[in-house]
């Protein structure tokens, strides 16, 4: 198997411990070193992260706009500098698991030219705090559980095609399932064809519009995502990013979280009813806890309820701001 060249893109900002963990996991891969480049794009770290990066074999870019997502922001800047065949988006709080992670992730792309990208599963670690374990089960945004690859897989609500070493799934533009974060690999040429990188969900949607929609999910490739240290931090982060999405990251967007078609309205309204009445998700929480004995599942109902309230508040504030 001829291995393709790959450019890792890692946005960094003020957490040198996690940055070191992330880089060490990438540099430990059993993959030809001459086929890998690592581009770090820093948003203005002041805690020693920059000094740490200078000790590693990475290309260091400075993101004066600070934010990683959005047209012209960190990831987009790095994509424009990348020269290799594949792009791997890895956030600094990820640690890829095992020295064969990259080989497992790349294999579907070498076997099937129709596959546009490869998503990585999240590792649940027993030693993590309960909130981080829960987010490793369903994905980092519980509100997206009805509309994300991770959420659909966690709830066993998606039909994947078994291809022996990996699964495949064809993404549609209607009710477009989101993915693209937490260690995602995509073909560079396809990114160029859609005008570069804006955001993970936007990338997926624009590729699906061009019928580049066949996604692979390796069975034995995991990343550990150190998302949060507490439930309160989790709520604060979701509020921050929701407000950022409504006020800062709204240009050049084709993807919409708000429904557009009758079927999207039907699914969205049903999801809101289940979220706000709590009981349906409480049943899901208990059933999954009984199946897996993982206590983190008990956070599912309250998490979806609270995040729905937070997003609703941000949405109302944004609409009101535009009226005055």
Protein backbone atom coordinates (compact mmCIF):
# COMPACT_ATOMS: atom_id res chain seq x y z
CA UNK A 1 0.00 0.00 0.00
CA UNK A 2 1.42 3.34 -1.09
CA UNK A 3 1.04 5.71 1.81
CA UNK A 4 -0.10 9.26 1.04
CA UNK A 5 1.50 12.40 2.44
CA UNK A 6 -0.39 14.11 5.24
CA UNK A 7 -0.47 17.56 6.86
CA UNK A 8 -1.60 17.75 10.48
CA UNK A 9 -3.27 21.01 11.42
CA UNK A 10 -3.37 21.76 15.14
CA UNK A 11 -4.76 25.06 16.49
CA UNK A 12 -3.17 25.87 19.85
CA UNK A 13 -3.89 28.30 22.64
CA UNK A 14 -2.65 28.30 26.25
CA UNK A 15 -2.41 24.70 27.42
CA UNK A 16 1.11 23.41 26.99
CA UNK A 17 0.40 20.17 28.88
CA UNK A 18 -2.33 19.14 26.44
CA UNK A 19 -0.33 20.40 23.45
CA UNK A 20 2.63 18.22 24.47
CA UNK A 21 0.34 15.21 24.93
CA UNK A 22 -1.17 15.78 21.49
CA UNK A 23 2.13 16.21 19.65
CA UNK A 24 3.77 13.23 21.36
CA UNK A 25 0.89 10.98 20.29
CA UNK A 26 1.23 12.11 16.65
CA UNK A 27 5.01 11.81 16.55
CA UNK A 28 4.82 8.26 17.95
CA UNK A 29 2.93 6.99 14.89
CA UNK A 30 4.31 4.13 12.80
CA UNK A 31 4.24 6.17 9.62
CA UNK A 32 7.08 7.46 7.40
CA UNK A 33 8.22 10.72 8.98
CA UNK A 34 9.05 12.19 5.56
CA UNK A 35 5.36 11.89 4.63
CA UNK A 36 4.14 13.93 7.62
CA UNK A 37 4.16 17.66 8.28
CA UNK A 38 2.70 19.24 11.40
CA UNK A 39 1.38 22.79 11.20
CA UNK A 40 0.48 24.46 14.48
CA UNK A 41 -1.51 27.68 14.35
CA UNK A 42 -1.35 29.53 17.65
CA UNK A 43 -3.95 32.05 18.80
CA UNK A 44 -1.69 34.06 21.08
CA UNK A 45 -0.56 31.74 23.87
CA UNK A 46 1.09 33.32 26.93
CA UNK A 47 1.65 30.28 29.16
CA UNK A 48 4.79 28.80 27.57
CA UNK A 49 3.02 26.97 24.74
CA UNK A 50 4.98 28.89 22.10
CA UNK A 51 8.28 27.98 23.74
CA UNK A 52 7.19 24.34 23.82
CA UNK A 53 6.24 24.34 20.14
CA UNK A 54 9.69 25.61 19.16
CA UNK A 55 11.17 22.41 20.59
CA UNK A 56 9.12 20.21 18.25
CA UNK A 57 9.50 19.56 14.49
CA UNK A 58 6.47 21.66 13.59
CA UNK A 59 5.70 24.66 11.42
CA UNK A 60 4.49 27.41 13.72
CA UNK A 61 2.01 29.95 12.39
CA UNK A 62 0.57 32.85 14.36
CA UNK A 63 -3.18 33.35 14.18
CA UNK A 64 -3.76 37.03 14.88
CA UNK A 65 -7.51 36.46 14.60
CA UNK A 66 -7.22 33.94 17.47
CA UNK A 67 -10.27 31.79 16.66
CA UNK A 68 -9.68 28.41 14.94
CA UNK A 69 -13.04 28.08 13.13
CA UNK A 70 -14.37 30.39 10.41
CA UNK A 71 -13.26 31.70 7.05
CA UNK A 72 -9.78 33.21 7.34
CA UNK A 73 -9.36 31.89 10.90
CA UNK A 74 -6.73 29.51 12.25
CA UNK A 75 -7.54 26.25 10.51
CA UNK A 76 -8.23 27.98 7.21
CA UNK A 77 -4.89 29.80 7.39
CA UNK A 78 -3.07 26.52 7.98
CA UNK A 79 -4.92 24.70 5.17
CA UNK A 80 -3.70 27.35 2.75
CA UNK A 81 -0.10 26.62 3.79
CA UNK A 82 -0.43 22.82 3.72
CA UNK A 83 1.15 21.03 0.74
CA UNK A 84 0.32 17.36 1.29
CA UNK A 85 -2.36 15.07 -0.14
CA UNK A 86 -4.34 14.70 3.06
CA UNK A 87 -5.30 17.14 5.80
CA UNK A 88 -5.70 15.93 9.38
CA UNK A 89 -7.55 18.30 11.71
CA UNK A 90 -6.54 17.63 15.31
CA UNK A 91 -7.41 19.89 18.24
CA UNK A 92 -4.83 20.38 20.98
CA UNK A 93 -6.94 18.55 23.58
CA UNK A 94 -6.88 15.31 21.57
CA UNK A 95 -4.51 12.40 22.07
CA UNK A 96 -4.62 9.82 19.27
CA UNK A 97 -4.65 6.31 20.67
CA UNK A 98 -1.99 3.76 19.71
CA UNK A 99 0.96 3.91 17.32
CA UNK A 100 -1.10 2.49 14.41
CA UNK A 101 -3.80 5.16 14.63
CA UNK A 102 -2.68 6.98 11.48
CA UNK A 103 -2.33 3.79 9.43
CA UNK A 104 -5.89 2.80 10.42
CA UNK A 105 -7.21 6.24 9.53
CA UNK A 106 -5.48 6.43 6.16
CA UNK A 107 -6.32 2.91 4.97
CA UNK A 108 -9.91 3.64 3.79
CA UNK A 109 -8.67 6.58 1.71
CA UNK A 110 -6.11 4.37 -0.06
CA UNK A 111 -8.66 1.64 -0.78
CA UNK A 112 -11.63 3.66 -1.98
CA UNK A 113 -11.29 6.84 -4.06
CA UNK A 114 -14.94 7.72 -3.41
CA UNK A 115 -14.24 8.26 0.29
CA UNK A 116 -13.77 11.98 0.91
CA UNK A 117 -12.82 11.80 4.59
CA UNK A 118 -12.33 9.66 7.67
CA UNK A 119 -13.87 10.25 11.10
CA UNK A 120 -12.32 9.03 14.33
CA UNK A 121 -14.20 7.49 17.25
CA UNK A 122 -13.88 8.87 20.78
CA UNK A 123 -12.23 6.84 23.52
CA UNK A 124 -14.02 6.62 26.86
CA UNK A 125 -11.50 6.41 29.72
CA UNK A 126 -12.62 5.17 33.13
CA UNK A 127 -10.28 7.55 34.94
CA UNK A 128 -11.90 10.62 33.35
CA UNK A 129 -14.40 12.78 35.19
CA UNK A 130 -17.99 11.75 34.55
CA UNK A 131 -18.75 14.72 32.28
CA UNK A 132 -15.81 14.01 30.00
CA UNK A 133 -16.83 10.35 29.83
CA UNK A 134 -20.35 11.36 28.80
CA UNK A 135 -19.08 13.68 26.06
CA UNK A 136 -16.83 10.87 24.83
CA UNK A 137 -19.94 8.74 24.43
CA UNK A 138 -22.18 11.12 22.48
CA UNK A 139 -19.85 13.82 21.15
CA UNK A 140 -18.88 17.19 22.54
CA UNK A 141 -22.26 18.84 21.85
CA UNK A 142 -25.25 16.89 23.26
CA UNK A 143 -27.65 19.21 21.42
CA UNK A 144 -26.28 17.75 18.17
CA UNK A 145 -26.93 14.17 19.28
CA UNK A 146 -29.83 13.85 16.81
CA UNK A 147 -27.74 15.28 13.97
CA UNK A 148 -24.16 14.08 14.46
CA UNK A 149 -22.35 10.93 13.43
CA UNK A 150 -21.10 10.40 17.00
CA UNK A 151 -24.53 10.93 18.53
CA UNK A 152 -26.32 8.67 16.05
CA UNK A 153 -23.73 5.94 16.61
CA UNK A 154 -23.98 6.24 20.40
CA UNK A 155 -27.75 5.89 20.30
CA UNK A 156 -27.64 3.17 17.63
CA UNK A 157 -29.73 5.32 15.28
CA UNK A 158 -27.64 5.10 12.13
CA UNK A 159 -27.16 2.43 9.47
CA UNK A 160 -23.49 2.00 8.62
CA UNK A 161 -22.10 -0.24 5.88
CA UNK A 162 -19.58 -2.75 7.18
CA UNK A 163 -16.41 -2.76 5.03
CA UNK A 164 -14.45 -5.21 7.26
CA UNK A 165 -11.88 -2.84 8.81
CA UNK A 166 -14.09 0.22 8.70
CA UNK A 167 -17.65 1.43 8.22
CA UNK A 168 -18.91 3.76 5.52
CA UNK A 169 -21.83 6.16 5.43
CA UNK A 170 -23.15 8.48 2.73
CA UNK A 171 -24.04 11.92 4.04
CA UNK A 172 -27.07 13.74 2.62
CA UNK A 173 -27.62 17.50 2.45
CA UNK A 174 -31.07 17.24 4.05
CA UNK A 175 -30.69 16.71 7.80
CA UNK A 176 -26.96 16.75 7.09
CA UNK A 177 -25.18 14.85 9.85
CA UNK A 178 -22.27 16.78 11.30
CA UNK A 179 -18.76 15.47 11.76
CA UNK A 180 -15.29 16.73 10.88
CA UNK A 181 -13.83 17.52 14.30
CA UNK A 182 -11.81 15.52 16.82
CA UNK A 183 -9.17 14.04 14.51
CA UNK A 184 -10.69 14.09 11.05
CA UNK A 185 -8.80 13.42 7.81
CA UNK A 186 -9.93 14.82 4.45
CA UNK A 187 -8.48 14.95 0.94
CA UNK A 188 -6.74 18.30 0.36
CA UNK A 189 -7.88 18.52 -3.27
CA UNK A 190 -11.51 18.36 -2.20
CA UNK A 191 -11.00 21.19 0.28
CA UNK A 192 -9.51 23.27 -2.53
CA UNK A 193 -12.52 22.44 -4.72
CA UNK A 194 -14.96 23.94 -2.19
CA UNK A 195 -12.90 27.09 -1.64
CA UNK A 196 -10.98 26.04 1.44
CA UNK A 197 -11.97 25.48 5.06
CA UNK A 198 -14.60 27.39 7.01
CA UNK A 199 -15.81 25.03 9.73
CA UNK A 200 -16.17 21.28 10.19
CA UNK A 201 -19.93 21.09 9.53
CA UNK A 202 -19.67 23.60 6.67
CA UNK A 203 -16.94 21.50 5.06
CA UNK A 204 -19.12 18.37 5.27
CA UNK A 205 -22.18 20.14 3.86
CA UNK A 206 -20.37 21.73 0.91
CA UNK A 207 -18.76 18.43 -0.02
CA UNK A 208 -22.16 16.68 0.18
CA UNK A 209 -23.56 19.34 -2.17
CA UNK A 210 -20.94 18.23 -4.69
CA UNK A 211 -21.83 14.57 -4.04
CA UNK A 212 -18.49 13.97 -2.31
CA UNK A 213 -20.29 12.36 0.59
CA UNK A 214 -18.87 8.90 1.31
CA UNK A 215 -17.44 8.91 4.84
CA UNK A 216 -15.34 6.20 6.49
CA UNK A 217 -15.17 5.37 10.20
CA UNK A 218 -12.36 2.93 11.10
CA UNK A 219 -13.23 0.27 13.65
CA UNK A 220 -9.89 0.52 15.48
CA UNK A 221 -9.00 4.22 15.47
CA UNK A 222 -9.72 6.25 18.59
CA UNK A 223 -8.83 9.60 20.05
CA UNK A 224 -9.07 10.65 23.67
CA UNK A 225 -10.56 14.13 23.91
CA UNK A 226 -9.87 16.00 27.16
CA UNK A 227 -12.94 18.15 26.62
CA UNK A 228 -13.79 19.45 30.08
CA UNK A 229 -12.84 19.08 33.72
CA UNK A 230 -16.33 19.62 35.20
CA UNK A 231 -20.00 19.87 34.34
CA UNK A 232 -20.06 23.62 35.02
CA UNK A 233 -17.13 24.16 32.64
CA UNK A 234 -18.98 22.15 30.01
CA UNK A 235 -22.02 24.46 30.28
CA UNK A 236 -19.86 27.60 30.13
CA UNK A 237 -18.03 26.36 27.01
CA UNK A 238 -21.27 25.54 25.20
CA UNK A 239 -22.66 28.99 26.01
CA UNK A 240 -19.48 30.67 24.78
CA UNK A 241 -19.39 28.77 21.50
CA UNK A 242 -23.12 29.23 20.89
CA UNK A 243 -22.75 33.01 21.29
CA UNK A 244 -19.65 32.97 19.08
CA UNK A 245 -21.48 31.08 16.35
CA UNK A 246 -24.36 33.56 16.32
CA UNK A 247 -22.24 36.72 16.38
CA UNK A 248 -18.81 35.97 14.87
CA UNK A 249 -18.84 32.83 12.77
CA UNK A 250 -21.84 33.47 10.53
CA UNK A 251 -20.36 34.54 7.19
CA UNK A 252 -19.85 32.27 4.17
CA UNK A 253 -22.13 29.62 5.63
CA UNK A 254 -24.29 27.18 3.65
CA UNK A 255 -24.89 24.79 6.54
CA UNK A 256 -27.70 25.73 8.90
CA UNK A 257 -28.69 24.32 12.26
CA UNK A 258 -32.13 25.85 11.75
CA UNK A 259 -34.49 23.63 9.73
CA UNK A 260 -35.27 24.48 6.11
CA UNK A 261 -37.47 21.68 4.79
CA UNK A 262 -40.66 20.12 6.14
CA UNK A 263 -38.81 16.95 7.12
CA UNK A 264 -36.09 18.94 8.91
CA UNK A 265 -38.77 20.89 10.83
CA UNK A 266 -40.48 17.65 11.81
CA UNK A 267 -37.28 16.08 13.14
CA UNK A 268 -36.15 19.28 14.87
CA UNK A 269 -39.46 19.91 16.63
CA UNK A 270 -39.66 16.30 17.79
CA UNK A 271 -36.12 16.60 19.16
CA UNK A 272 -37.01 19.82 21.03
CA UNK A 273 -40.08 18.20 22.59
CA UNK A 274 -38.02 15.22 23.77
CA UNK A 275 -35.29 17.50 25.09
CA UNK A 276 -37.51 19.88 27.03
CA UNK A 277 -39.88 17.28 28.47
CA UNK A 278 -36.82 15.35 29.75
CA UNK A 279 -38.64 12.02 30.22
CA UNK A 280 -37.84 10.50 26.78
CA UNK A 281 -34.14 11.23 27.22
CA UNK A 282 -34.28 10.04 30.82
CA UNK A 283 -35.48 6.67 29.53
CA UNK A 284 -32.58 6.66 27.02
CA UNK A 285 -30.19 7.48 29.88
CA UNK A 286 -31.41 4.65 32.11
CA UNK A 287 -31.55 2.06 29.31
CA UNK A 288 -27.98 2.79 28.21
CA UNK A 289 -26.76 2.77 31.81
CA UNK A 290 -28.35 -0.64 32.39
CA UNK A 291 -26.77 -1.98 29.18
CA UNK A 292 -23.27 -0.63 29.75
CA UNK A 293 -23.05 0.06 33.51
CA UNK A 294 -21.51 3.41 32.54
CA UNK A 295 -22.80 6.03 35.00
CA UNK A 296 -21.97 8.83 32.58
CA UNK A 297 -25.11 7.93 30.60
CA UNK A 298 -27.17 9.34 33.47
CA UNK A 299 -26.01 12.82 32.44
CA UNK A 300 -27.70 12.51 29.06
CA UNK A 301 -31.18 13.83 29.90
CA UNK A 302 -30.09 16.81 32.05
CA UNK A 303 -27.29 17.72 29.61
CA UNK A 304 -29.53 17.85 26.55
CA UNK A 305 -32.18 19.77 28.52
CA UNK A 306 -29.76 22.43 29.79
CA UNK A 307 -27.93 22.86 26.49
CA UNK A 308 -31.27 23.26 24.71
CA UNK A 309 -32.15 26.07 27.15
CA UNK A 310 -28.75 27.72 26.65
CA UNK A 311 -29.00 27.60 22.86
CA UNK A 312 -32.57 28.86 23.00
CA UNK A 313 -31.49 31.80 25.13
CA UNK A 314 -28.63 32.70 22.75
CA UNK A 315 -30.96 32.39 19.74
CA UNK A 316 -33.58 34.71 21.30
CA UNK A 317 -30.92 37.25 22.32
CA UNK A 318 -29.52 37.25 18.78
CA UNK A 319 -32.95 37.77 17.21
CA UNK A 320 -33.74 40.57 19.67
CA UNK A 321 -30.38 42.27 18.99
CA UNK A 322 -31.09 42.31 15.27
CA UNK A 323 -34.46 43.96 15.83
CA UNK A 324 -33.11 46.97 17.74
